Amino acid sequence: MLGEIVGLTVQVTACDACLVYLIEQDEIVLRASQVPHAADLGILRMRMGEGVTGWVAEHKSVVALGSNAASDTRFKYFQALIEDTYEAFASVPLVSGGEVVGVINVHHRELHEHSAEEIALLTFIGEQMGIAVANSMLADQNARLVQEAHEAKRQLEVRKIVERAKGILQHRHGLTEEESYLRLRNESRRLRRPMRDLAEAVILAEDMHRKNDVPVETRA
């Protein structure tokens, strides 16, 4: 999705560099770029209102600087970004439902007067792709929530199994609750097996023992 935004923006503006930032927990995070920034993706962050990018995100407005972009009072230089040494700079918000979900930055090495048509196209990209990005982020969030729910369910099942095994050990060997837990834990470490496996083995052995203890009914 972010690669599509970069490609479309480069096509529209014929820029020398394009950076895409996303808003994540009140921080603006670099997530995609035309110029390789593998070491900085997800690492380079700024606060809302920080730099031109932060200003755009905070005010939901476009900034277009045709020359000497670094002289703008809002500009903040990042050593990791070669793009910050370029002459011209434009920044537009990615918007979804009236909320900013990210920012697109466009850089030109030489002087570049951003035409009204170019700004309009960039704004259109920001609006249309902002919706797509927001939907994608929501899908990722929902997937994480589902995963967390599955993990919570699994942990609950493990706990129930371990609790049952502890009860069996307490009854069979006269152990306290803490002693039965320590026995399971220590065996788990010694055998390098999950505690769930040992608990299930204890339960299985108990079930077989009870089955063998049940008297067989005979008929005359």
N, C-alpha and C. Protein backbone atom coordinates (compact mmCIF):
# COMPACT_ATOMS: atom_id res chain seq x y z
N MET A 1 0.83 -1.20 0.00
CA MET A 1 0.00 0.00 0.00
C MET A 1 0.87 1.26 0.00
N LEU A 2 1.85 1.31 0.89
CA LEU A 2 2.72 2.48 0.97
C LEU A 2 3.59 2.60 -0.28
N GLY A 3 3.99 1.47 -0.83
CA GLY A 3 4.75 1.49 -2.08
C GLY A 3 3.94 2.07 -3.22
N GLU A 4 2.64 1.79 -3.24
CA GLU A 4 1.75 2.36 -4.25
C GLU A 4 1.68 3.87 -4.10
N ILE A 5 1.63 4.35 -2.86
CA ILE A 5 1.58 5.79 -2.63
C ILE A 5 2.85 6.46 -3.15
N VAL A 6 4.01 5.86 -2.83
CA VAL A 6 5.27 6.42 -3.30
C VAL A 6 5.31 6.45 -4.82
N GLY A 7 4.96 5.34 -5.45
CA GLY A 7 5.01 5.26 -6.91
C GLY A 7 4.08 6.26 -7.58
N LEU A 8 2.87 6.38 -7.06
CA LEU A 8 1.90 7.31 -7.64
C LEU A 8 2.36 8.75 -7.46
N THR A 9 2.90 9.07 -6.30
CA THR A 9 3.37 10.43 -6.04
C THR A 9 4.53 10.79 -6.94
N VAL A 10 5.47 9.88 -7.12
CA VAL A 10 6.61 10.13 -8.01
C VAL A 10 6.13 10.35 -9.44
N GLN A 11 5.16 9.58 -9.86
CA GLN A 11 4.61 9.71 -11.21
C GLN A 11 3.97 11.07 -11.42
N VAL A 12 3.26 11.55 -10.42
CA VAL A 12 2.53 12.82 -10.53
C VAL A 12 3.47 14.01 -10.49
N THR A 13 4.51 13.94 -9.65
CA THR A 13 5.35 15.12 -9.41
C THR A 13 6.73 15.07 -10.07
N ALA A 14 7.14 13.90 -10.55
CA ALA A 14 8.48 13.72 -11.10
C ALA A 14 9.53 14.18 -10.09
N CYS A 15 9.29 13.86 -8.83
CA CYS A 15 10.17 14.29 -7.75
C CYS A 15 11.43 13.43 -7.69
N ASP A 16 12.40 13.89 -6.94
CA ASP A 16 13.64 13.13 -6.75
C ASP A 16 13.57 12.24 -5.52
N ALA A 17 12.61 12.48 -4.65
CA ALA A 17 12.46 11.65 -3.45
C ALA A 17 11.05 11.82 -2.89
N CYS A 18 10.55 10.72 -2.34
CA CYS A 18 9.23 10.74 -1.71
C CYS A 18 9.29 9.93 -0.42
N LEU A 19 8.79 10.50 0.66
CA LEU A 19 8.75 9.83 1.95
C LEU A 19 7.30 9.77 2.42
N VAL A 20 6.94 8.64 3.03
CA VAL A 20 5.60 8.49 3.58
C VAL A 20 5.71 8.19 5.07
N TYR A 21 5.02 8.99 5.86
CA TYR A 21 4.99 8.82 7.31
C TYR A 21 3.58 8.42 7.73
N LEU A 22 3.47 7.63 8.80
CA LEU A 22 2.18 7.28 9.37
C LEU A 22 2.12 7.75 10.82
N ILE A 23 0.90 8.10 11.24
CA ILE A 23 0.69 8.50 12.63
C ILE A 23 0.48 7.24 13.46
N GLU A 24 1.34 7.05 14.45
CA GLU A 24 1.25 5.88 15.31
C GLU A 24 1.40 6.31 16.77
N GLN A 25 0.30 6.23 17.50
CA GLN A 25 0.30 6.59 18.93
C GLN A 25 0.90 7.98 19.16
N ASP A 26 0.36 8.94 18.43
CA ASP A 26 0.74 10.35 18.56
C ASP A 26 2.18 10.63 18.14
N GLU A 27 2.80 9.71 17.42
CA GLU A 27 4.10 9.95 16.82
C GLU A 27 3.99 9.81 15.31
N ILE A 28 4.87 10.50 14.60
CA ILE A 28 4.91 10.44 13.14
C ILE A 28 6.10 9.58 12.77
N VAL A 29 5.83 8.44 12.13
CA VAL A 29 6.86 7.42 11.92
C VAL A 29 7.12 7.22 10.43
N LEU A 30 8.37 7.25 10.03
CA LEU A 30 8.74 7.00 8.63
C LEU A 30 8.48 5.53 8.30
N ARG A 31 7.66 5.30 7.26
CA ARG A 31 7.29 3.92 6.92
C ARG A 31 7.61 3.53 5.48
N ALA A 32 7.86 4.49 4.60
CA ALA A 32 8.18 4.14 3.21
C ALA A 32 8.94 5.30 2.58
N SER A 33 9.79 4.97 1.58
CA SER A 33 10.55 6.02 0.90
C SER A 33 10.97 5.55 -0.48
N GLN A 34 11.18 6.53 -1.36
CA GLN A 34 11.69 6.22 -2.70
C GLN A 34 13.19 5.95 -2.63
N VAL A 35 13.92 6.86 -1.98
CA VAL A 35 15.35 6.64 -1.72
C VAL A 35 15.48 5.61 -0.60
N PRO A 36 16.33 4.60 -0.74
CA PRO A 36 16.42 3.55 0.28
C PRO A 36 16.73 4.10 1.67
N HIS A 37 15.91 3.72 2.63
CA HIS A 37 16.13 4.09 4.03
C HIS A 37 15.80 2.90 4.92
N ALA A 38 16.28 1.72 4.54
CA ALA A 38 15.90 0.50 5.25
C ALA A 38 16.18 0.58 6.75
N ALA A 39 17.29 1.21 7.11
CA ALA A 39 17.67 1.26 8.53
C ALA A 39 16.83 2.25 9.32
N ASP A 40 16.12 3.14 8.60
CA ASP A 40 15.38 4.20 9.28
C ASP A 40 13.88 3.96 9.30
N LEU A 41 13.38 3.05 8.46
CA LEU A 41 11.94 2.79 8.42
C LEU A 41 11.48 2.23 9.76
N GLY A 42 10.49 2.87 10.34
CA GLY A 42 9.98 2.44 11.64
C GLY A 42 10.81 2.96 12.80
N ILE A 43 11.97 3.53 12.51
CA ILE A 43 12.87 4.03 13.56
C ILE A 43 12.81 5.56 13.65
N LEU A 44 12.87 6.21 12.49
CA LEU A 44 12.85 7.67 12.48
C LEU A 44 11.45 8.15 12.86
N ARG A 45 11.39 8.92 13.95
CA ARG A 45 10.10 9.38 14.49
C ARG A 45 10.19 10.86 14.86
N MET A 46 9.04 11.49 14.86
CA MET A 46 8.95 12.86 15.34
C MET A 46 7.60 13.08 16.01
N ARG A 47 7.54 14.12 16.79
CA ARG A 47 6.30 14.43 17.50
C ARG A 47 5.36 15.24 16.61
N MET A 48 4.09 15.24 16.95
CA MET A 48 3.13 16.09 16.27
C MET A 48 3.58 17.54 16.43
N GLY A 49 3.58 18.29 15.35
CA GLY A 49 4.01 19.68 15.38
C GLY A 49 5.49 19.87 15.17
N GLU A 50 6.26 18.78 15.14
CA GLU A 50 7.72 18.87 15.00
C GLU A 50 8.11 18.89 13.53
N GLY A 51 8.88 19.91 13.12
CA GLY A 51 9.29 20.03 11.73
C GLY A 51 8.11 20.38 10.84
N VAL A 52 8.39 20.51 9.53
CA VAL A 52 7.31 20.79 8.58
C VAL A 52 6.32 19.63 8.56
N THR A 53 6.85 18.41 8.60
CA THR A 53 6.01 17.22 8.58
C THR A 53 5.04 17.22 9.76
N GLY A 54 5.56 17.49 10.94
CA GLY A 54 4.71 17.52 12.13
C GLY A 54 3.70 18.65 12.07
N TRP A 55 4.10 19.78 11.48
CA TRP A 55 3.18 20.92 11.33
C TRP A 55 2.02 20.55 10.41
N VAL A 56 2.35 19.89 9.30
CA VAL A 56 1.31 19.46 8.35
C VAL A 56 0.33 18.48 9.02
N ALA A 57 0.89 17.54 9.78
CA ALA A 57 0.04 16.57 10.46
C ALA A 57 -0.86 17.25 11.50
N GLU A 58 -0.31 18.21 12.21
CA GLU A 58 -1.05 18.88 13.27
C GLU A 58 -2.13 19.81 12.72
N HIS A 59 -1.81 20.50 11.61
CA HIS A 59 -2.74 21.50 11.07
C HIS A 59 -3.57 21.00 9.90
N LYS A 60 -3.30 19.75 9.45
CA LYS A 60 -4.05 19.17 8.32
C LYS A 60 -4.00 20.08 7.10
N SER A 61 -2.83 20.67 6.87
CA SER A 61 -2.66 21.62 5.78
C SER A 61 -1.47 21.26 4.92
N VAL A 62 -1.46 21.77 3.70
CA VAL A 62 -0.37 21.53 2.75
C VAL A 62 0.71 22.60 2.91
N VAL A 63 1.97 22.19 2.79
CA VAL A 63 3.09 23.13 2.76
C VAL A 63 3.87 22.87 1.48
N ALA A 64 4.15 23.94 0.72
CA ALA A 64 4.93 23.82 -0.52
C ALA A 64 6.04 24.87 -0.49
N LEU A 65 7.28 24.41 -0.50
CA LEU A 65 8.44 25.29 -0.46
C LEU A 65 9.25 25.06 -1.74
N GLY A 66 9.26 26.06 -2.63
CA GLY A 66 9.88 25.88 -3.94
C GLY A 66 11.39 26.03 -3.95
N SER A 67 11.95 26.68 -2.93
CA SER A 67 13.40 26.87 -2.90
C SER A 67 13.87 27.05 -1.46
N ASN A 68 15.13 26.66 -1.21
CA ASN A 68 15.74 26.82 0.11
C ASN A 68 14.80 26.36 1.23
N ALA A 69 14.29 25.14 1.08
CA ALA A 69 13.28 24.63 2.01
C ALA A 69 13.79 24.63 3.45
N ALA A 70 15.06 24.39 3.63
CA ALA A 70 15.61 24.29 4.99
C ALA A 70 15.57 25.62 5.74
N SER A 71 15.35 26.73 5.02
CA SER A 71 15.31 28.03 5.69
C SER A 71 13.96 28.30 6.34
N ASP A 72 12.96 27.50 6.03
CA ASP A 72 11.64 27.68 6.66
C ASP A 72 11.76 27.46 8.17
N THR A 73 11.14 28.33 8.94
CA THR A 73 11.28 28.28 10.41
C THR A 73 10.74 26.98 11.00
N ARG A 74 9.85 26.30 10.26
CA ARG A 74 9.27 25.05 10.76
C ARG A 74 10.17 23.85 10.45
N PHE A 75 11.15 24.03 9.58
CA PHE A 75 11.96 22.93 9.09
C PHE A 75 12.83 22.35 10.20
N LYS A 76 12.92 21.02 10.25
CA LYS A 76 13.84 20.35 11.16
C LYS A 76 14.69 19.37 10.36
N TYR A 77 15.99 19.50 10.49
CA TYR A 77 16.93 18.66 9.73
C TYR A 77 17.16 17.34 10.44
N PHE A 78 17.06 16.25 9.66
CA PHE A 78 17.39 14.90 10.16
C PHE A 78 18.61 14.40 9.40
N GLN A 79 19.67 14.11 10.11
CA GLN A 79 20.93 13.71 9.48
C GLN A 79 20.76 12.46 8.63
N ALA A 80 19.84 11.60 9.02
CA ALA A 80 19.65 10.34 8.29
C ALA A 80 18.99 10.53 6.93
N LEU A 81 18.40 11.70 6.71
CA LEU A 81 17.64 11.93 5.49
C LEU A 81 18.41 12.84 4.53
N ILE A 82 18.94 12.25 3.46
CA ILE A 82 19.61 13.05 2.43
C ILE A 82 18.62 14.02 1.80
N GLU A 83 17.34 13.65 1.83
CA GLU A 83 16.31 14.49 1.24
C GLU A 83 16.24 15.87 1.88
N ASP A 84 16.66 15.97 3.15
CA ASP A 84 16.59 17.24 3.85
C ASP A 84 17.59 18.26 3.30
N THR A 85 18.51 17.82 2.44
CA THR A 85 19.46 18.75 1.83
C THR A 85 18.96 19.24 0.47
N TYR A 86 17.83 18.73 0.00
CA TYR A 86 17.31 19.12 -1.31
C TYR A 86 16.71 20.52 -1.24
N GLU A 87 16.56 21.12 -2.39
CA GLU A 87 16.14 22.52 -2.47
C GLU A 87 14.65 22.73 -2.23
N ALA A 88 13.81 21.92 -2.89
CA ALA A 88 12.36 22.13 -2.82
C ALA A 88 11.68 21.00 -2.06
N PHE A 89 10.55 21.34 -1.46
CA PHE A 89 9.91 20.40 -0.55
C PHE A 89 8.41 20.70 -0.50
N ALA A 90 7.60 19.65 -0.62
CA ALA A 90 6.15 19.79 -0.45
C ALA A 90 5.68 18.68 0.48
N SER A 91 4.71 19.01 1.32
CA SER A 91 4.21 18.05 2.31
C SER A 91 2.69 18.13 2.36
N VAL A 92 2.03 16.98 2.22
CA VAL A 92 0.56 16.95 2.25
C VAL A 92 0.10 15.86 3.22
N PRO A 93 -1.03 16.08 3.89
CA PRO A 93 -1.52 15.08 4.84
C PRO A 93 -2.26 13.93 4.16
N LEU A 94 -2.11 12.74 4.71
CA LEU A 94 -2.95 11.60 4.36
C LEU A 94 -4.17 11.68 5.28
N VAL A 95 -5.35 11.80 4.68
CA VAL A 95 -6.54 12.07 5.48
C VAL A 95 -7.59 10.99 5.27
N SER A 96 -8.24 10.60 6.38
CA SER A 96 -9.34 9.65 6.33
C SER A 96 -10.40 10.09 7.33
N GLY A 97 -11.60 10.34 6.84
CA GLY A 97 -12.69 10.75 7.72
C GLY A 97 -12.39 12.03 8.47
N GLY A 98 -11.64 12.93 7.83
CA GLY A 98 -11.30 14.19 8.48
C GLY A 98 -10.13 14.11 9.43
N GLU A 99 -9.58 12.92 9.65
CA GLU A 99 -8.44 12.74 10.55
C GLU A 99 -7.18 12.43 9.76
N VAL A 100 -6.07 13.00 10.21
CA VAL A 100 -4.78 12.74 9.55
C VAL A 100 -4.24 11.40 10.00
N VAL A 101 -3.94 10.53 9.04
CA VAL A 101 -3.36 9.22 9.37
C VAL A 101 -1.90 9.13 8.94
N GLY A 102 -1.43 10.15 8.23
CA GLY A 102 -0.05 10.14 7.78
C GLY A 102 0.28 11.40 7.00
N VAL A 103 1.49 11.42 6.45
CA VAL A 103 1.96 12.58 5.69
C VAL A 103 2.80 12.08 4.52
N ILE A 104 2.62 12.73 3.35
CA ILE A 104 3.47 12.45 2.19
C ILE A 104 4.39 13.64 1.98
N ASN A 105 5.69 13.38 1.90
CA ASN A 105 6.67 14.44 1.62
C ASN A 105 7.29 14.23 0.25
N VAL A 106 7.37 15.30 -0.52
CA VAL A 106 7.93 15.26 -1.87
C VAL A 106 9.12 16.21 -1.93
N HIS A 107 10.26 15.71 -2.42
CA HIS A 107 11.49 16.52 -2.45
C HIS A 107 12.03 16.62 -3.88
N HIS A 108 12.54 17.81 -4.23
CA HIS A 108 13.25 18.03 -5.50
C HIS A 108 14.64 18.58 -5.19
N ARG A 109 15.63 18.05 -5.89
CA ARG A 109 17.00 18.50 -5.64
C ARG A 109 17.20 19.96 -6.02
N GLU A 110 16.57 20.37 -7.12
CA GLU A 110 16.71 21.74 -7.62
C GLU A 110 15.46 22.55 -7.32
N LEU A 111 15.51 23.81 -7.65
CA LEU A 111 14.35 24.68 -7.48
C LEU A 111 13.14 24.07 -8.18
N HIS A 112 12.00 24.16 -7.55
CA HIS A 112 10.80 23.59 -8.15
C HIS A 112 9.57 24.35 -7.65
N GLU A 113 8.93 25.05 -8.56
CA GLU A 113 7.71 25.75 -8.21
C GLU A 113 6.54 24.78 -8.32
N HIS A 114 5.90 24.52 -7.22
CA HIS A 114 4.78 23.59 -7.21
C HIS A 114 3.54 24.28 -7.76
N SER A 115 3.08 23.78 -8.91
CA SER A 115 1.91 24.40 -9.54
C SER A 115 0.64 24.08 -8.76
N ALA A 116 -0.40 24.86 -9.02
CA ALA A 116 -1.69 24.62 -8.37
C ALA A 116 -2.21 23.24 -8.73
N GLU A 117 -1.97 22.83 -9.97
CA GLU A 117 -2.44 21.51 -10.40
C GLU A 117 -1.69 20.40 -9.65
N GLU A 118 -0.39 20.58 -9.47
CA GLU A 118 0.41 19.58 -8.76
C GLU A 118 -0.05 19.46 -7.31
N ILE A 119 -0.27 20.60 -6.66
CA ILE A 119 -0.74 20.59 -5.28
C ILE A 119 -2.10 19.92 -5.18
N ALA A 120 -2.97 20.20 -6.16
CA ALA A 120 -4.30 19.60 -6.16
C ALA A 120 -4.21 18.08 -6.32
N LEU A 121 -3.30 17.62 -7.18
CA LEU A 121 -3.12 16.18 -7.37
C LEU A 121 -2.56 15.52 -6.11
N LEU A 122 -1.61 16.18 -5.48
CA LEU A 122 -1.04 15.65 -4.24
C LEU A 122 -2.11 15.58 -3.15
N THR A 123 -2.94 16.61 -3.08
CA THR A 123 -4.01 16.62 -2.08
C THR A 123 -5.00 15.50 -2.34
N PHE A 124 -5.29 15.28 -3.62
CA PHE A 124 -6.21 14.19 -4.00
C PHE A 124 -5.62 12.84 -3.60
N ILE A 125 -4.32 12.65 -3.86
CA ILE A 125 -3.66 11.41 -3.46
C ILE A 125 -3.75 11.24 -1.95
N GLY A 126 -3.48 12.31 -1.23
CA GLY A 126 -3.55 12.25 0.23
C GLY A 126 -4.91 11.87 0.74
N GLU A 127 -5.96 12.36 0.09
CA GLU A 127 -7.32 12.04 0.52
C GLU A 127 -7.72 10.62 0.16
N GLN A 128 -7.45 10.23 -1.08
CA GLN A 128 -7.87 8.90 -1.53
C GLN A 128 -7.04 7.79 -0.89
N MET A 129 -5.72 7.97 -0.86
CA MET A 129 -4.86 6.94 -0.29
C MET A 129 -4.95 6.92 1.22
N GLY A 130 -5.32 8.06 1.82
CA GLY A 130 -5.50 8.10 3.27
C GLY A 130 -6.58 7.14 3.73
N ILE A 131 -7.66 7.08 2.96
CA ILE A 131 -8.76 6.15 3.27
C ILE A 131 -8.27 4.71 3.18
N ALA A 132 -7.51 4.41 2.12
CA ALA A 132 -7.00 3.05 1.94
C ALA A 132 -6.04 2.67 3.06
N VAL A 133 -5.17 3.60 3.45
CA VAL A 133 -4.22 3.33 4.53
C VAL A 133 -4.94 3.11 5.85
N ALA A 134 -5.95 3.95 6.13
CA ALA A 134 -6.71 3.81 7.38
C ALA A 134 -7.41 2.46 7.43
N ASN A 135 -7.99 2.03 6.30
CA ASN A 135 -8.65 0.73 6.27
C ASN A 135 -7.65 -0.40 6.48
N SER A 136 -6.46 -0.25 5.88
CA SER A 136 -5.43 -1.27 6.04
C SER A 136 -4.95 -1.34 7.49
N MET A 137 -4.77 -0.17 8.12
CA MET A 137 -4.34 -0.13 9.51
C MET A 137 -5.41 -0.74 10.42
N LEU A 138 -6.68 -0.49 10.10
CA LEU A 138 -7.77 -1.05 10.90
C LEU A 138 -7.80 -2.56 10.76
N ALA A 139 -7.56 -3.05 9.53
CA ALA A 139 -7.53 -4.50 9.32
C ALA A 139 -6.39 -5.14 10.11
N ASP A 140 -5.22 -4.47 10.12
CA ASP A 140 -4.08 -4.98 10.90
C ASP A 140 -4.40 -4.99 12.39
N GLN A 141 -5.07 -3.92 12.84
CA GLN A 141 -5.43 -3.84 14.25
C GLN A 141 -6.40 -4.95 14.63
N ASN A 142 -7.39 -5.18 13.76
CA ASN A 142 -8.36 -6.25 14.02
C ASN A 142 -7.68 -7.61 14.04
N ALA A 143 -6.72 -7.80 13.12
CA ALA A 143 -5.99 -9.07 13.08
C ALA A 143 -5.20 -9.27 14.37
N ARG A 144 -4.59 -8.19 14.88
CA ARG A 144 -3.84 -8.29 16.14
C ARG A 144 -4.78 -8.61 17.30
N LEU A 145 -5.97 -7.98 17.29
CA LEU A 145 -6.93 -8.24 18.37
C LEU A 145 -7.38 -9.69 18.35
N VAL A 146 -7.62 -10.23 17.15
CA VAL A 146 -8.02 -11.64 17.03
C VAL A 146 -6.91 -12.54 17.54
N GLN A 147 -5.67 -12.21 17.16
CA GLN A 147 -4.51 -13.00 17.60
C GLN A 147 -4.38 -12.95 19.12
N GLU A 148 -4.56 -11.76 19.69
CA GLU A 148 -4.48 -11.63 21.15
C GLU A 148 -5.58 -12.41 21.84
N ALA A 149 -6.77 -12.42 21.24
CA ALA A 149 -7.89 -13.17 21.82
C ALA A 149 -7.59 -14.67 21.80
N HIS A 150 -7.02 -15.15 20.69
CA HIS A 150 -6.66 -16.56 20.59
C HIS A 150 -5.60 -16.92 21.62
N GLU A 151 -4.63 -16.02 21.79
CA GLU A 151 -3.55 -16.28 22.75
C GLU A 151 -4.10 -16.31 24.18
N ALA A 152 -5.03 -15.39 24.48
CA ALA A 152 -5.63 -15.36 25.81
C ALA A 152 -6.41 -16.65 26.06
N LYS A 153 -7.13 -17.12 25.04
CA LYS A 153 -7.88 -18.37 25.17
C LYS A 153 -6.94 -19.55 25.40
N ARG A 154 -5.82 -19.56 24.65
CA ARG A 154 -4.85 -20.64 24.80
C ARG A 154 -4.26 -20.65 26.21
N GLN A 155 -3.91 -19.45 26.69
CA GLN A 155 -3.33 -19.35 28.03
C GLN A 155 -4.33 -19.82 29.09
N LEU A 156 -5.62 -19.51 28.88
CA LEU A 156 -6.65 -19.94 29.84
C LEU A 156 -6.78 -21.46 29.84
N GLU A 157 -6.72 -22.06 28.65
CA GLU A 157 -6.80 -23.52 28.56
C GLU A 157 -5.61 -24.17 29.27
N VAL A 158 -4.43 -23.60 29.04
CA VAL A 158 -3.22 -24.13 29.70
C VAL A 158 -3.37 -24.03 31.21
N ARG A 159 -3.86 -22.90 31.68
CA ARG A 159 -4.00 -22.70 33.12
C ARG A 159 -4.97 -23.72 33.72
N LYS A 160 -6.07 -23.98 33.03
CA LYS A 160 -7.04 -24.95 33.53
C LYS A 160 -6.42 -26.35 33.62
N ILE A 161 -5.64 -26.71 32.59
CA ILE A 161 -5.01 -28.03 32.57
C ILE A 161 -3.98 -28.15 33.69
N VAL A 162 -3.17 -27.09 33.88
CA VAL A 162 -2.16 -27.10 34.93
C VAL A 162 -2.82 -27.16 36.31
N GLU A 163 -3.91 -26.41 36.49
CA GLU A 163 -4.61 -26.42 37.77
C GLU A 163 -5.16 -27.81 38.09
N ARG A 164 -5.68 -28.49 37.07
CA ARG A 164 -6.19 -29.85 37.29
C ARG A 164 -5.07 -30.81 37.65
N ALA A 165 -3.94 -30.68 36.95
CA ALA A 165 -2.80 -31.55 37.23
C ALA A 165 -2.26 -31.29 38.64
N LYS A 166 -2.24 -30.03 39.04
CA LYS A 166 -1.79 -29.70 40.40
C LYS A 166 -2.70 -30.36 41.44
N GLY A 167 -3.99 -30.33 41.18
CA GLY A 167 -4.93 -30.95 42.11
C GLY A 167 -4.70 -32.45 42.24
N ILE A 168 -4.39 -33.09 41.12
CA ILE A 168 -4.12 -34.53 41.14
C ILE A 168 -2.87 -34.83 41.97
N LEU A 169 -1.81 -34.06 41.75
CA LEU A 169 -0.57 -34.26 42.49
C LEU A 169 -0.77 -34.01 43.99
N GLN A 170 -1.56 -33.00 44.31
CA GLN A 170 -1.84 -32.73 45.71
C GLN A 170 -2.55 -33.92 46.37
N HIS A 171 -3.52 -34.47 45.66
CA HIS A 171 -4.31 -35.57 46.20
C HIS A 171 -3.50 -36.85 46.28
N ARG A 172 -2.73 -37.14 45.24
CA ARG A 172 -2.01 -38.41 45.17
C ARG A 172 -0.77 -38.45 46.07
N HIS A 173 -0.10 -37.30 46.18
CA HIS A 173 1.19 -37.31 46.88
C HIS A 173 1.20 -36.44 48.13
N GLY A 174 0.06 -35.93 48.52
CA GLY A 174 -0.01 -35.12 49.73
C GLY A 174 0.79 -33.85 49.65
N LEU A 175 0.83 -33.24 48.47
CA LEU A 175 1.61 -32.02 48.28
C LEU A 175 0.73 -30.79 48.50
N THR A 176 1.40 -29.68 48.81
CA THR A 176 0.69 -28.41 48.84
C THR A 176 0.52 -27.92 47.41
N GLU A 177 -0.28 -26.89 47.26
CA GLU A 177 -0.49 -26.33 45.92
C GLU A 177 0.82 -25.82 45.33
N GLU A 178 1.61 -25.15 46.18
CA GLU A 178 2.89 -24.62 45.70
C GLU A 178 3.85 -25.74 45.35
N GLU A 179 3.89 -26.80 46.16
CA GLU A 179 4.79 -27.92 45.90
C GLU A 179 4.42 -28.63 44.61
N SER A 180 3.13 -28.78 44.36
CA SER A 180 2.71 -29.46 43.13
C SER A 180 3.07 -28.62 41.91
N TYR A 181 2.94 -27.31 42.04
CA TYR A 181 3.32 -26.43 40.92
C TYR A 181 4.82 -26.51 40.65
N LEU A 182 5.62 -26.47 41.74
CA LEU A 182 7.07 -26.54 41.59
C LEU A 182 7.50 -27.86 40.96
N ARG A 183 6.81 -28.95 41.30
CA ARG A 183 7.16 -30.23 40.71
C ARG A 183 6.92 -30.21 39.20
N LEU A 184 5.80 -29.68 38.78
CA LEU A 184 5.51 -29.57 37.35
C LEU A 184 6.52 -28.66 36.66
N ARG A 185 6.80 -27.54 37.28
CA ARG A 185 7.74 -26.59 36.67
C ARG A 185 9.14 -27.17 36.55
N ASN A 186 9.61 -27.81 37.60
CA ASN A 186 10.96 -28.37 37.58
C ASN A 186 11.08 -29.50 36.56
N GLU A 187 10.06 -30.34 36.46
CA GLU A 187 10.08 -31.41 35.47
C GLU A 187 10.03 -30.85 34.05
N SER A 188 9.27 -29.77 33.91
CA SER A 188 9.20 -29.10 32.60
C SER A 188 10.57 -28.62 32.17
N ARG A 189 11.31 -28.03 33.10
CA ARG A 189 12.65 -27.54 32.78
C ARG A 189 13.62 -28.69 32.55
N ARG A 190 13.52 -29.73 33.37
CA ARG A 190 14.44 -30.86 33.26
C ARG A 190 14.28 -31.58 31.93
N LEU A 191 13.03 -31.78 31.54
CA LEU A 191 12.74 -32.50 30.30
C LEU A 191 12.69 -31.60 29.08
N ARG A 192 12.73 -30.28 29.35
CA ARG A 192 12.63 -29.30 28.26
C ARG A 192 11.35 -29.50 27.45
N ARG A 193 10.30 -29.67 28.19
CA ARG A 193 8.98 -29.83 27.58
C ARG A 193 8.05 -28.77 28.16
N PRO A 194 7.07 -28.31 27.38
CA PRO A 194 6.11 -27.34 27.92
C PRO A 194 5.38 -27.91 29.13
N MET A 195 5.07 -27.05 30.09
CA MET A 195 4.36 -27.49 31.28
C MET A 195 3.00 -28.10 30.92
N ARG A 196 2.40 -27.60 29.84
CA ARG A 196 1.10 -28.15 29.43
C ARG A 196 1.23 -29.63 29.11
N ASP A 197 2.32 -30.02 28.42
CA ASP A 197 2.51 -31.43 28.07
C ASP A 197 2.58 -32.31 29.32
N LEU A 198 3.33 -31.85 30.34
CA LEU A 198 3.47 -32.63 31.57
C LEU A 198 2.14 -32.69 32.31
N ALA A 199 1.42 -31.57 32.33
CA ALA A 199 0.12 -31.54 33.01
C ALA A 199 -0.84 -32.51 32.34
N GLU A 200 -0.84 -32.53 31.01
CA GLU A 200 -1.72 -33.45 30.28
C GLU A 200 -1.33 -34.90 30.56
N ALA A 201 -0.02 -35.16 30.71
CA ALA A 201 0.44 -36.52 31.01
C ALA A 201 -0.03 -36.96 32.40
N VAL A 202 0.01 -36.03 33.35
CA VAL A 202 -0.46 -36.33 34.71
C VAL A 202 -1.96 -36.65 34.68
N ILE A 203 -2.71 -35.85 33.94
CA ILE A 203 -4.17 -36.05 33.85
C ILE A 203 -4.48 -37.38 33.17
N LEU A 204 -3.75 -37.68 32.09
CA LEU A 204 -3.97 -38.94 31.38
C LEU A 204 -3.68 -40.14 32.28
N ALA A 205 -2.56 -40.06 33.02
CA ALA A 205 -2.21 -41.15 33.93
C ALA A 205 -3.29 -41.33 35.00
N GLU A 206 -3.81 -40.23 35.50
CA GLU A 206 -4.86 -40.30 36.52
C GLU A 206 -6.14 -40.91 35.95
N ASP A 207 -6.49 -40.53 34.74
CA ASP A 207 -7.70 -41.08 34.11
C ASP A 207 -7.56 -42.58 33.88
N MET A 208 -6.36 -43.02 33.46
CA MET A 208 -6.13 -44.46 33.24
C MET A 208 -6.16 -45.21 34.57
N HIS A 209 -5.61 -44.59 35.60
CA HIS A 209 -5.60 -45.21 36.93
C HIS A 209 -7.03 -45.40 37.44
N ARG A 210 -7.84 -44.41 37.27
CA ARG A 210 -9.23 -44.50 37.73
C ARG A 210 -10.00 -45.54 36.92
N LYS A 211 -9.71 -45.59 35.65
CA LYS A 211 -10.39 -46.56 34.79
C LYS A 211 -10.04 -47.99 35.21
N ASN A 212 -8.77 -48.21 35.54
CA ASN A 212 -8.35 -49.55 35.95
C ASN A 212 -8.87 -49.91 37.33
N ASP A 213 -9.17 -48.88 38.14
CA ASP A 213 -9.69 -49.14 39.49
C ASP A 213 -11.17 -49.43 39.52
N VAL A 214 -11.87 -49.15 38.41
CA VAL A 214 -13.32 -49.36 38.38
C VAL A 214 -13.58 -50.87 38.32
N PRO A 215 -14.33 -51.43 39.28
CA PRO A 215 -14.62 -52.87 39.24
C PRO A 215 -15.48 -53.25 38.04
N VAL A 216 -15.19 -54.41 37.50
CA VAL A 216 -15.94 -54.89 36.35
C VAL A 216 -17.21 -55.56 36.85
N GLU A 217 -18.35 -55.16 36.33
CA GLU A 217 -19.63 -55.74 36.74
C GLU A 217 -19.79 -57.13 36.11
N THR A 218 -20.09 -58.09 36.91
CA THR A 218 -20.29 -59.44 36.41
C THR A 218 -21.74 -59.86 36.59
N ARG A 219 -22.19 -60.72 35.73
CA ARG A 219 -23.58 -61.22 35.81
C ARG A 219 -23.57 -62.73 35.96
N ALA A 220 -24.44 -63.20 36.81
CA ALA A 220 -24.55 -64.65 37.04
C ALA A 220 -25.22 -65.29 35.83
